[in-house]
Amino acid sequence: MAVKKKSSGRRYSPKAGKAVEREMRAMKKGKLTSGRSKKKVTSRKQAIAIGLSEARKAGAKVPPKKKAAAKKKSAKKSTKRPPRKAA
C-alpha cells in the first residue's frame, strides 16, 4: 500500500494573510480598486484574489494560481495518440 506524504507546514504564509487582511479592509472602506480599469471592488472573493496576488509579488509563500496549476497538469497529459484508422 502506498502511503501519501503529508505536506509540511502551512499552505499560506502569515505575510500572505496580512496582505489579504489589508485588502479586505480597503474593500470594506470602499477604497479598493481593481487593475487597469480602476473600478471599485465589491466582491469578497476578488478582494482575496488581489491580496494573494500582492503577496505573491512581495515573495510570500502562496500556492500558484489555479489557472497556472491547471496548465501544468494539462501540459503533462497532452501526449498525442496516433489517428484512428477508418473501417
N, C-alpha and C. Protein backbone atom coordinates (compact mmCIF):
# COMPACT_ATOMS: atom_id res chain seq x y z
N MET A 1 0.83 -1.19 0.00
CA MET A 1 0.00 0.00 0.00
C MET A 1 0.87 1.25 0.00
N ALA A 2 0.53 2.17 -0.88
CA ALA A 2 1.29 3.41 -0.96
C ALA A 2 0.76 4.39 0.08
N VAL A 3 1.68 5.02 0.78
CA VAL A 3 1.30 5.99 1.80
C VAL A 3 1.53 7.38 1.22
N LYS A 4 0.46 8.20 1.25
CA LYS A 4 0.57 9.55 0.72
C LYS A 4 1.34 10.43 1.70
N LYS A 5 2.33 11.15 1.20
CA LYS A 5 3.15 12.01 2.05
C LYS A 5 2.35 13.23 2.47
N LYS A 6 2.38 13.50 3.74
CA LYS A 6 1.67 14.65 4.28
C LYS A 6 2.48 15.92 3.99
N SER A 7 1.79 16.97 3.51
CA SER A 7 2.50 18.21 3.21
C SER A 7 2.96 18.86 4.51
N SER A 8 4.12 19.46 4.47
CA SER A 8 4.67 20.04 5.69
C SER A 8 4.35 21.52 5.77
N GLY A 9 3.98 21.95 6.94
CA GLY A 9 3.80 23.37 7.20
C GLY A 9 2.51 23.95 6.65
N ARG A 10 2.47 25.26 6.65
CA ARG A 10 1.29 26.00 6.23
C ARG A 10 1.24 26.14 4.72
N ARG A 11 0.04 26.24 4.20
CA ARG A 11 -0.12 26.47 2.76
C ARG A 11 0.14 27.93 2.42
N TYR A 12 -0.38 28.84 3.26
CA TYR A 12 -0.18 30.28 3.06
C TYR A 12 0.64 30.82 4.23
N SER A 13 1.56 31.72 3.93
CA SER A 13 2.40 32.29 4.99
C SER A 13 1.60 33.37 5.74
N PRO A 14 2.04 33.70 6.95
CA PRO A 14 1.39 34.79 7.69
C PRO A 14 1.45 36.11 6.92
N LYS A 15 2.51 36.31 6.15
CA LYS A 15 2.66 37.51 5.34
C LYS A 15 1.53 37.61 4.31
N ALA A 16 1.15 36.46 3.74
CA ALA A 16 0.05 36.42 2.77
C ALA A 16 -1.27 36.76 3.46
N GLY A 17 -1.44 36.25 4.67
CA GLY A 17 -2.66 36.53 5.42
C GLY A 17 -2.81 38.01 5.72
N LYS A 18 -1.70 38.66 6.04
CA LYS A 18 -1.73 40.09 6.33
C LYS A 18 -2.09 40.89 5.08
N ALA A 19 -1.57 40.45 3.92
CA ALA A 19 -1.87 41.14 2.66
C ALA A 19 -3.36 41.04 2.34
N VAL A 20 -3.94 39.85 2.55
CA VAL A 20 -5.36 39.66 2.29
C VAL A 20 -6.19 40.50 3.26
N GLU A 21 -5.78 40.52 4.52
CA GLU A 21 -6.49 41.30 5.53
C GLU A 21 -6.48 42.79 5.17
N ARG A 22 -5.35 43.29 4.71
CA ARG A 22 -5.22 44.70 4.33
C ARG A 22 -6.17 45.03 3.16
N GLU A 23 -6.23 44.13 2.17
CA GLU A 23 -7.09 44.37 1.01
C GLU A 23 -8.57 44.29 1.39
N MET A 24 -8.91 43.38 2.32
CA MET A 24 -10.30 43.27 2.77
C MET A 24 -10.74 44.55 3.48
N ARG A 25 -9.86 45.10 4.29
CA ARG A 25 -10.19 46.35 4.99
C ARG A 25 -10.40 47.49 3.99
N ALA A 26 -9.53 47.54 2.98
CA ALA A 26 -9.65 48.58 1.95
C ALA A 26 -10.97 48.43 1.20
N MET A 27 -11.38 47.18 0.93
CA MET A 27 -12.64 46.93 0.22
C MET A 27 -13.82 47.41 1.07
N LYS A 28 -13.78 47.09 2.36
CA LYS A 28 -14.88 47.48 3.25
C LYS A 28 -15.00 49.00 3.38
N LYS A 29 -13.86 49.69 3.30
CA LYS A 29 -13.88 51.16 3.34
C LYS A 29 -14.30 51.76 2.01
N GLY A 30 -14.28 50.94 0.94
CA GLY A 30 -14.64 51.42 -0.40
C GLY A 30 -13.46 52.02 -1.14
N LYS A 31 -12.24 51.70 -0.69
CA LYS A 31 -11.03 52.27 -1.29
C LYS A 31 -10.34 51.31 -2.28
N LEU A 32 -10.78 50.05 -2.33
CA LEU A 32 -10.08 49.05 -3.14
C LEU A 32 -10.56 49.11 -4.59
N THR A 33 -9.60 49.25 -5.50
CA THR A 33 -9.91 49.25 -6.93
C THR A 33 -9.14 48.14 -7.62
N SER A 34 -9.65 47.72 -8.77
CA SER A 34 -9.02 46.59 -9.46
C SER A 34 -8.26 47.04 -10.69
N GLY A 35 -7.12 46.42 -10.90
CA GLY A 35 -6.33 46.51 -12.13
C GLY A 35 -6.28 47.83 -12.85
N ARG A 36 -6.26 47.72 -14.18
CA ARG A 36 -6.14 48.92 -15.00
C ARG A 36 -7.44 49.71 -15.09
N SER A 37 -8.57 49.01 -14.94
CA SER A 37 -9.87 49.69 -15.07
C SER A 37 -10.14 50.62 -13.90
N LYS A 38 -9.51 50.35 -12.76
CA LYS A 38 -9.67 51.15 -11.54
C LYS A 38 -11.13 51.20 -11.07
N LYS A 39 -11.89 50.13 -11.36
CA LYS A 39 -13.27 50.04 -10.88
C LYS A 39 -13.25 49.58 -9.42
N LYS A 40 -14.25 50.03 -8.67
CA LYS A 40 -14.34 49.69 -7.26
C LYS A 40 -14.64 48.20 -7.08
N VAL A 41 -13.91 47.56 -6.18
CA VAL A 41 -14.11 46.14 -5.90
C VAL A 41 -15.19 46.00 -4.83
N THR A 42 -16.21 45.17 -5.11
CA THR A 42 -17.26 44.93 -4.12
C THR A 42 -17.33 43.46 -3.73
N SER A 43 -16.66 42.60 -4.48
CA SER A 43 -16.69 41.16 -4.23
C SER A 43 -15.62 40.75 -3.23
N ARG A 44 -16.03 39.94 -2.24
CA ARG A 44 -15.09 39.43 -1.23
C ARG A 44 -14.04 38.56 -1.88
N LYS A 45 -14.45 37.71 -2.82
CA LYS A 45 -13.52 36.81 -3.50
C LYS A 45 -12.47 37.59 -4.29
N GLN A 46 -12.90 38.66 -4.93
CA GLN A 46 -11.97 39.47 -5.71
C GLN A 46 -10.97 40.16 -4.79
N ALA A 47 -11.41 40.61 -3.63
CA ALA A 47 -10.51 41.25 -2.67
C ALA A 47 -9.46 40.25 -2.19
N ILE A 48 -9.87 39.01 -1.94
CA ILE A 48 -8.92 37.97 -1.53
C ILE A 48 -7.92 37.70 -2.64
N ALA A 49 -8.40 37.62 -3.87
CA ALA A 49 -7.52 37.37 -5.01
C ALA A 49 -6.49 38.48 -5.17
N ILE A 50 -6.90 39.72 -4.97
CA ILE A 50 -5.98 40.86 -5.07
C ILE A 50 -4.94 40.77 -3.96
N GLY A 51 -5.37 40.43 -2.75
CA GLY A 51 -4.45 40.29 -1.62
C GLY A 51 -3.42 39.21 -1.86
N LEU A 52 -3.85 38.05 -2.38
CA LEU A 52 -2.92 36.96 -2.66
C LEU A 52 -1.95 37.33 -3.77
N SER A 53 -2.46 38.05 -4.77
CA SER A 53 -1.60 38.49 -5.87
C SER A 53 -0.50 39.42 -5.37
N GLU A 54 -0.88 40.36 -4.49
CA GLU A 54 0.09 41.29 -3.91
C GLU A 54 1.12 40.52 -3.08
N ALA A 55 0.66 39.52 -2.33
CA ALA A 55 1.57 38.72 -1.50
C ALA A 55 2.55 37.94 -2.38
N ARG A 56 2.06 37.41 -3.50
CA ARG A 56 2.91 36.68 -4.45
C ARG A 56 4.02 37.59 -4.98
N LYS A 57 3.63 38.82 -5.34
CA LYS A 57 4.61 39.79 -5.86
C LYS A 57 5.65 40.15 -4.80
N ALA A 58 5.22 40.17 -3.53
CA ALA A 58 6.13 40.51 -2.43
C ALA A 58 7.02 39.34 -2.03
N GLY A 59 6.75 38.15 -2.59
CA GLY A 59 7.59 36.99 -2.31
C GLY A 59 7.11 36.12 -1.16
N ALA A 60 5.85 36.27 -0.75
CA ALA A 60 5.31 35.45 0.33
C ALA A 60 5.01 34.05 -0.18
N LYS A 61 4.90 33.11 0.77
CA LYS A 61 4.61 31.72 0.40
C LYS A 61 3.11 31.60 0.10
N VAL A 62 2.79 31.50 -1.18
CA VAL A 62 1.42 31.38 -1.65
C VAL A 62 1.40 30.35 -2.76
N PRO A 63 0.45 29.39 -2.74
CA PRO A 63 0.40 28.42 -3.83
C PRO A 63 0.14 29.11 -5.17
N PRO A 64 0.54 28.47 -6.29
CA PRO A 64 0.31 29.10 -7.60
C PRO A 64 -1.17 29.22 -7.90
N LYS A 65 -1.51 30.12 -8.82
CA LYS A 65 -2.90 30.32 -9.22
C LYS A 65 -3.47 29.02 -9.75
N LYS A 66 -4.78 28.81 -9.59
CA LYS A 66 -5.42 27.58 -10.05
C LYS A 66 -5.29 27.44 -11.56
N LYS A 67 -5.40 28.55 -12.28
CA LYS A 67 -5.29 28.51 -13.73
C LYS A 67 -3.89 28.05 -14.14
N ALA A 68 -2.87 28.56 -13.45
CA ALA A 68 -1.48 28.19 -13.75
C ALA A 68 -1.23 26.73 -13.41
N ALA A 69 -1.79 26.26 -12.32
CA ALA A 69 -1.62 24.86 -11.90
C ALA A 69 -2.31 23.93 -12.89
N ALA A 70 -3.46 24.34 -13.40
CA ALA A 70 -4.20 23.51 -14.36
C ALA A 70 -3.42 23.39 -15.67
N LYS A 71 -2.76 24.46 -16.08
CA LYS A 71 -1.97 24.43 -17.32
C LYS A 71 -0.82 23.43 -17.21
N LYS A 72 -0.18 23.40 -16.02
CA LYS A 72 0.93 22.47 -15.82
C LYS A 72 0.46 21.03 -15.92
N LYS A 73 -0.70 20.72 -15.33
CA LYS A 73 -1.25 19.37 -15.36
C LYS A 73 -1.61 18.97 -16.78
N SER A 74 -2.26 19.88 -17.52
CA SER A 74 -2.69 19.54 -18.88
C SER A 74 -1.48 19.39 -19.80
N ALA A 75 -0.41 20.11 -19.52
CA ALA A 75 0.79 20.01 -20.35
C ALA A 75 1.44 18.63 -20.19
N LYS A 76 1.36 18.07 -18.99
CA LYS A 76 1.94 16.75 -18.76
C LYS A 76 1.13 15.65 -19.45
N LYS A 77 -0.19 15.80 -19.49
CA LYS A 77 -1.05 14.76 -20.03
C LYS A 77 -1.22 14.84 -21.55
N SER A 78 -0.74 15.89 -22.17
CA SER A 78 -1.01 16.09 -23.59
C SER A 78 -0.08 15.25 -24.49
N THR A 79 -0.22 13.95 -24.42
CA THR A 79 0.51 13.07 -25.32
C THR A 79 -0.43 12.71 -26.46
N LYS A 80 0.02 12.94 -27.68
CA LYS A 80 -0.84 12.72 -28.83
C LYS A 80 -0.94 11.24 -29.18
N ARG A 81 -2.14 10.81 -29.49
CA ARG A 81 -2.35 9.44 -29.93
C ARG A 81 -2.32 9.42 -31.46
N PRO A 82 -1.92 8.30 -32.03
CA PRO A 82 -1.97 8.24 -33.50
C PRO A 82 -3.42 8.25 -33.96
N PRO A 83 -3.70 8.80 -35.15
CA PRO A 83 -5.08 8.88 -35.63
C PRO A 83 -5.67 7.47 -35.85
N ARG A 84 -6.98 7.35 -35.60
CA ARG A 84 -7.65 6.06 -35.79
C ARG A 84 -7.82 5.77 -37.26
N LYS A 85 -7.75 4.50 -37.57
CA LYS A 85 -7.96 4.09 -38.95
C LYS A 85 -9.45 3.93 -39.20
N ALA A 86 -9.92 4.47 -40.31
CA ALA A 86 -11.34 4.36 -40.66
C ALA A 86 -11.64 2.95 -41.16
N ALA A 87 -12.71 2.34 -40.71
CA ALA A 87 -13.04 0.97 -41.11
C ALA A 87 -13.88 0.92 -42.36
